[in-house]
Amino acid sequence: MAQRPEVKTVTPETHPLPPAETGIFTSPRAFKIKTALTWLILLSVVLSLFSKMGLQWDLIEQKLPFLLGLRLSPDGFIQGAALTLLITACSMFFCLLLGLITALGRMSDNALAFGCATFYASLFRGTPLLVQVLIIYLALPQAGIVLGALSSGIIALSLNYGAYLAETIRSGVLSVPRGQKEAAMALGLSSWTVAVHVTAPQALRIIIPPAGSMFISMLKDSSLVSLMGLWELNFLAQSYGRSTYRYMEMLATAAAIYWIMSIVLELFQSRLERRFGQGYRR
C-alpha cells in the first residue's frame, strides 16, 4: 500500500518571505521621511561649508532681487533668472517641435525626409553648442541674416537640443511592441487614434526621463547667451563679482538659483513619470 506523502506546513519561521513581501520596504511614508532626512543632513553639511568661507550675506541680500529678475535692466528688459526662464521656455517649445518632426523623418520611408532628418541630427549633435551659438550670432550676419541676441540664443538651443530629443523620441516610439499597433489596427482603429491613444502613452513612459534631463541641461546651458550680452543669471553673477571683487558670493547665489529652478523641473518630470507610468511596476 502506497504511503501518503507527508504534508509540511509552511510558516514564516521555516520559510521566511523576502523583505519586499514582508512590508519592510513597502512603506512609502517611511521612505519619504528617510529621504527628506538625508537631504536635510546633506544640505546642512553644504551650508556649514559655505558658512566657513566668510561670505558677505548683506551683499547677497542686496543683489538677490537683480539676480532673480525682480528688477528690470537699465533698458527696461527682464534680466537674471527671469530671462533665463524665458529663454529656456521658448527653447523647450521649439525643441519639442524640431525633435518630433526630426523623429518622424528618421522613421519615415521617404528618402528625402530621412536624409534631411539624419543630416540635421548629425550636424547639430556633432558640433559644440558654443560654436553653434557663435556661428548663428556672428557668422549669419555676413550672409545677410541678422538676428538679435535673444533670438539667436533661442534658435541655437532649440536646434542643438532638438537633434538630441529626436533620437530620444524615436527610441521611445520604437520601444513600443509592434503587436500593440497591430492589435489596435485589427480592431478597426485609425492610424491617428493608434498613434495618440496606443503608441504615444507607452512611448512617453520611456521618453520623459531622458527628455527631462535634457531640459534641465538646457536650463543651465542657457548661460551661453551671456556671450551675446544678454543680462541673464550667469552674466549678472559674473558682472557683480567683478564690480564688487566678491565672486564667491555672486557665483554661489547664482548656483543656488539654478539648483532651485532645476528642482522645480525635476518635480514636474517626476509627476509626469507617475502619470504616464501608471500600470507599470518596477
Protein backbone atom coordinates (compact mmCIF):
# COMPACT_ATOMS: atom_id res chain seq x y z
CA MET A 1 0.00 0.00 0.00
CA ALA A 2 1.45 3.38 -1.05
CA GLN A 3 2.27 5.75 1.74
CA ARG A 4 0.53 9.09 1.84
CA PRO A 5 3.03 11.90 1.20
CA GLU A 6 3.82 13.93 4.25
CA VAL A 7 2.26 17.39 4.22
CA LYS A 8 4.50 20.08 5.63
CA THR A 9 3.13 23.29 6.99
CA VAL A 10 4.85 26.39 5.65
CA THR A 11 5.34 29.02 8.35
CA PRO A 12 7.28 32.29 8.41
CA GLU A 13 9.80 30.63 10.70
CA THR A 14 10.57 27.77 8.28
CA HIS A 15 10.25 29.71 5.02
CA PRO A 16 10.78 33.42 5.64
CA LEU A 17 9.41 35.70 2.98
CA PRO A 18 11.66 38.10 1.07
CA PRO A 19 11.97 41.59 2.56
CA ALA A 20 9.89 43.12 -0.23
CA GLU A 21 6.95 40.83 0.65
CA THR A 22 7.10 41.34 4.40
CA GLY A 23 6.39 45.04 4.07
CA ILE A 24 9.80 46.22 5.28
CA PHE A 25 10.44 48.28 2.14
CA THR A 26 6.85 48.92 1.11
CA SER A 27 6.06 51.90 3.33
CA PRO A 28 6.07 55.00 1.11
CA ARG A 29 5.73 57.33 4.09
CA ALA A 30 8.78 55.91 5.89
CA PHE A 31 10.79 56.01 2.67
CA LYS A 32 9.91 59.68 2.07
CA ILE A 33 10.77 60.61 5.65
CA LYS A 34 14.18 58.93 5.42
CA THR A 35 14.83 60.60 2.07
CA ALA A 36 13.90 64.02 3.47
CA LEU A 37 16.18 63.49 6.48
CA THR A 38 19.04 62.51 4.18
CA TRP A 39 18.52 65.69 2.15
CA LEU A 40 18.43 67.82 5.29
CA ILE A 41 21.66 66.31 6.58
CA LEU A 42 23.49 66.76 3.30
CA LEU A 43 22.12 70.29 2.87
CA SER A 44 23.26 71.22 6.36
CA VAL A 45 26.75 69.94 5.52
CA VAL A 46 26.86 72.10 2.37
CA LEU A 47 25.62 75.18 4.23
CA SER A 48 28.14 74.65 7.02
CA LEU A 49 30.92 74.60 4.44
CA PHE A 50 29.74 77.87 2.92
CA SER A 51 29.36 79.45 6.37
CA LYS A 52 33.10 78.96 6.93
CA MET A 53 34.02 80.90 3.77
CA GLY A 54 33.31 84.31 5.26
CA LEU A 55 30.59 85.26 2.78
CA GLN A 56 29.07 88.74 2.90
CA TRP A 57 25.42 87.92 3.32
CA ASP A 58 24.39 91.59 3.17
CA LEU A 59 25.86 91.79 -0.35
CA ILE A 60 23.90 88.70 -1.37
CA GLU A 61 20.72 90.22 0.05
CA GLN A 62 21.39 93.44 -1.87
CA LYS A 63 21.98 91.78 -5.25
CA LEU A 64 19.45 88.96 -4.93
CA PRO A 65 16.45 90.88 -6.42
CA PHE A 66 18.53 91.64 -9.53
CA LEU A 67 19.72 88.04 -9.87
CA LEU A 68 16.16 86.75 -9.52
CA GLY A 69 14.95 89.16 -12.18
CA LEU A 70 12.66 91.10 -9.86
CA ARG A 71 14.23 94.31 -11.15
CA LEU A 72 14.40 95.30 -14.81
CA SER A 73 17.63 96.02 -16.62
CA PRO A 74 18.62 99.67 -17.37
CA ASP A 75 17.00 99.40 -20.82
CA GLY A 76 13.73 98.17 -19.27
CA PHE A 77 14.05 94.50 -20.26
CA ILE A 78 13.88 91.48 -17.96
CA GLN A 79 17.14 90.13 -16.59
CA GLY A 80 18.57 87.49 -14.28
CA ALA A 81 16.68 84.28 -13.58
CA ALA A 82 13.52 85.64 -15.24
CA LEU A 83 15.38 86.00 -18.55
CA THR A 84 16.93 82.55 -18.10
CA LEU A 85 13.47 81.02 -17.66
CA LEU A 86 12.13 82.89 -20.71
CA ILE A 87 14.96 81.62 -22.91
CA THR A 88 14.57 78.08 -21.58
CA ALA A 89 10.78 78.00 -22.01
CA CYS A 90 10.92 79.28 -25.61
CA SER A 91 13.76 76.88 -26.45
CA MET A 92 11.81 73.95 -24.95
CA PHE A 93 8.80 74.70 -27.13
CA PHE A 94 10.73 74.89 -30.39
CA CYS A 95 12.94 71.99 -29.33
CA LEU A 96 9.87 69.77 -28.94
CA LEU A 97 8.62 70.73 -32.40
CA LEU A 98 12.00 70.10 -34.02
CA GLY A 99 12.52 66.86 -32.11
CA LEU A 100 9.10 65.50 -33.11
CA ILE A 101 9.49 66.45 -36.78
CA THR A 102 13.01 65.03 -36.93
CA ALA A 103 11.97 61.80 -35.20
CA LEU A 104 9.17 61.33 -37.75
CA GLY A 105 11.69 61.93 -40.52
CA ARG A 106 14.08 59.38 -39.02
CA MET A 107 11.31 56.77 -39.03
CA SER A 108 10.00 57.72 -42.47
CA ASP A 109 10.27 55.55 -45.59
CA ASN A 110 10.73 58.69 -47.67
CA ALA A 111 14.39 59.04 -48.64
CA LEU A 112 14.25 62.86 -48.74
CA ALA A 113 12.69 63.14 -45.26
CA PHE A 114 15.07 60.54 -43.86
CA GLY A 115 18.09 62.26 -45.41
CA CYS A 116 17.14 65.73 -44.11
CA ALA A 117 16.44 64.38 -40.61
CA THR A 118 19.67 62.41 -40.36
CA PHE A 119 21.76 65.29 -41.76
CA TYR A 120 20.29 67.77 -39.27
CA ALA A 121 20.72 65.40 -36.32
CA SER A 122 24.31 64.56 -37.29
CA LEU A 123 25.28 68.20 -37.83
CA PHE A 124 23.97 69.58 -34.54
CA ARG A 125 24.93 66.57 -32.44
CA GLY A 126 28.43 66.55 -33.90
CA THR A 127 29.34 70.20 -33.25
CA PRO A 128 29.68 72.02 -29.88
CA LEU A 129 26.80 74.18 -28.70
CA LEU A 130 29.16 77.11 -28.07
CA VAL A 131 30.30 77.03 -31.70
CA GLN A 132 26.70 76.94 -32.90
CA VAL A 133 25.80 79.96 -30.75
CA LEU A 134 28.71 81.98 -32.12
CA ILE A 135 28.05 80.98 -35.73
CA ILE A 136 24.36 81.89 -35.54
CA TYR A 137 25.04 85.22 -33.83
CA LEU A 138 28.28 86.30 -35.56
CA ALA A 139 28.54 84.42 -38.86
CA LEU A 140 25.00 84.62 -40.18
CA PRO A 141 25.08 88.45 -40.45
CA GLN A 142 27.87 88.03 -43.03
CA ALA A 143 25.35 86.12 -45.14
CA GLY A 144 22.77 88.88 -44.73
CA ILE A 145 20.84 87.18 -41.91
CA VAL A 146 20.89 89.49 -38.90
CA LEU A 147 19.39 88.14 -35.68
CA GLY A 148 19.11 89.65 -32.22
CA ALA A 149 20.92 88.22 -29.23
CA LEU A 150 17.75 86.75 -27.69
CA SER A 151 16.52 85.11 -30.88
CA SER A 152 20.00 83.79 -31.67
CA GLY A 153 20.25 82.12 -28.28
CA ILE A 154 16.80 80.55 -28.55
CA ILE A 155 17.48 79.28 -32.08
CA ALA A 156 20.86 77.79 -31.10
CA LEU A 157 19.46 75.99 -28.04
CA SER A 158 16.42 74.74 -29.97
CA LEU A 159 18.46 73.38 -32.87
CA ASN A 160 21.04 71.72 -30.64
CA TYR A 161 18.70 70.03 -28.18
CA GLY A 162 16.12 69.27 -30.85
CA ALA A 163 18.65 66.95 -32.52
CA TYR A 164 19.19 65.03 -29.27
CA LEU A 165 15.49 64.97 -28.40
CA ALA A 166 14.68 63.49 -31.81
CA GLU A 167 16.70 60.39 -31.01
CA THR A 168 15.02 60.13 -27.61
CA ILE A 169 11.56 60.32 -29.18
CA ARG A 170 12.49 57.80 -31.87
CA SER A 171 13.82 55.31 -29.34
CA GLY A 172 10.69 55.72 -27.21
CA VAL A 173 8.37 55.06 -30.14
CA LEU A 174 10.40 52.05 -31.31
CA SER A 175 10.32 50.61 -27.78
CA VAL A 176 6.55 50.07 -28.04
CA PRO A 177 5.93 46.46 -29.15
CA ARG A 178 4.74 46.22 -32.74
CA GLY A 179 1.96 43.89 -31.61
CA GLN A 180 0.30 46.78 -29.77
CA LYS A 181 -0.18 48.68 -33.02
CA GLU A 182 -1.23 45.58 -34.94
CA ALA A 183 -3.82 44.68 -32.30
CA ALA A 184 -5.25 48.20 -32.37
CA MET A 185 -5.39 48.23 -36.17
CA ALA A 186 -7.15 44.86 -36.09
CA LEU A 187 -9.91 46.48 -34.02
CA GLY A 188 -10.51 48.95 -36.84
CA LEU A 189 -8.91 51.99 -35.19
CA SER A 190 -7.47 54.69 -37.42
CA SER A 191 -3.74 55.36 -37.63
CA TRP A 192 -4.18 58.69 -35.80
CA THR A 193 -6.12 57.06 -32.97
CA VAL A 194 -3.50 54.33 -32.64
CA ALA A 195 -0.68 56.87 -32.55
CA VAL A 196 -2.35 59.14 -29.95
CA HIS A 197 -4.06 56.63 -27.68
CA VAL A 198 -1.91 53.49 -28.02
CA THR A 199 1.64 54.32 -29.07
CA ALA A 200 2.13 57.77 -27.51
CA PRO A 201 1.19 56.92 -23.88
CA GLN A 202 3.51 53.92 -23.86
CA ALA A 203 6.33 55.79 -25.60
CA LEU A 204 6.11 58.76 -23.24
CA ARG A 205 6.92 56.49 -20.32
CA ILE A 206 10.30 55.90 -21.98
CA ILE A 207 10.79 59.41 -23.38
CA ILE A 208 10.07 61.55 -20.30
CA PRO A 209 13.09 60.66 -18.08
CA PRO A 210 15.84 61.42 -20.64
CA ALA A 211 13.88 64.36 -22.07
CA GLY A 212 13.56 65.85 -18.57
CA SER A 213 17.31 65.54 -18.07
CA MET A 214 17.91 67.31 -21.38
CA PHE A 215 15.62 70.20 -20.45
CA ILE A 216 17.45 70.62 -17.14
CA SER A 217 20.73 70.72 -19.07
CA MET A 218 19.17 73.29 -21.40
CA LEU A 219 18.31 75.45 -18.40
CA LYS A 220 21.98 75.55 -17.42
CA ASP A 221 23.30 75.85 -20.97
CA SER A 222 21.16 78.94 -21.46
CA SER A 223 24.01 80.74 -19.68
CA LEU A 224 25.87 80.65 -23.01
CA VAL A 225 23.70 83.51 -24.28
CA SER A 226 25.67 85.75 -21.92
CA LEU A 227 28.35 85.75 -24.65
CA MET A 228 25.94 87.88 -26.70
CA GLY A 229 25.48 90.46 -23.95
CA LEU A 230 22.15 89.30 -22.55
CA TRP A 231 21.77 90.04 -18.86
CA GLU A 232 20.80 86.55 -17.80
CA LEU A 233 21.64 84.96 -14.46
CA ASN A 234 25.20 83.89 -15.18
CA PHE A 235 26.07 87.22 -16.81
CA LEU A 236 24.79 89.20 -13.82
CA ALA A 237 26.62 86.98 -11.33
CA GLN A 238 29.94 87.46 -13.10
CA SER A 239 29.35 91.20 -13.57
CA TYR A 240 28.55 91.77 -9.89
CA GLY A 241 31.51 89.60 -8.93
CA ARG A 242 33.89 91.75 -10.98
CA SER A 243 32.47 95.04 -9.71
CA THR A 244 32.48 94.05 -6.03
CA TYR A 245 35.51 91.72 -6.03
CA ARG A 246 33.29 89.18 -4.26
CA TYR A 247 32.99 86.39 -6.82
CA MET A 248 32.17 83.64 -4.36
CA GLU A 249 29.02 85.35 -3.06
CA MET A 250 27.63 86.00 -6.52
CA LEU A 251 28.55 82.65 -8.05
CA ALA A 252 27.23 80.72 -5.05
CA THR A 253 23.95 82.65 -5.21
CA ALA A 254 23.63 82.00 -8.93
CA ALA A 255 24.35 78.30 -8.38
CA ALA A 256 21.66 78.13 -5.69
CA ILE A 257 19.10 79.77 -8.01
CA TYR A 258 19.98 77.38 -10.84
CA TRP A 259 19.60 74.47 -8.42
CA ILE A 260 16.17 75.62 -7.23
CA MET A 261 14.94 76.00 -10.80
CA SER A 262 16.30 72.54 -11.63
CA ILE A 263 14.50 71.05 -8.63
CA VAL A 264 11.21 72.53 -9.89
CA LEU A 265 11.78 70.88 -13.27
CA GLU A 266 12.69 67.60 -11.56
CA LEU A 267 9.45 67.64 -9.58
CA PHE A 268 7.47 68.32 -12.77
CA GLN A 269 9.31 65.48 -14.50
CA SER A 270 8.59 63.14 -11.59
CA ARG A 271 4.90 63.97 -11.77
CA LEU A 272 4.81 63.24 -15.49
CA GLU A 273 6.61 59.94 -14.91
CA ARG A 274 3.98 58.88 -12.38
CA ARG A 275 1.20 59.99 -14.71
CA PHE A 276 2.40 58.00 -17.72
CA GLY A 277 3.86 55.17 -15.66
CA GLN A 278 0.52 54.02 -14.31
CA GLY A 279 0.03 50.32 -14.84
CA TYR A 280 3.76 49.61 -14.83
CA ARG A 281 5.63 48.36 -11.83
CA ARG A 282 9.36 48.45 -11.20
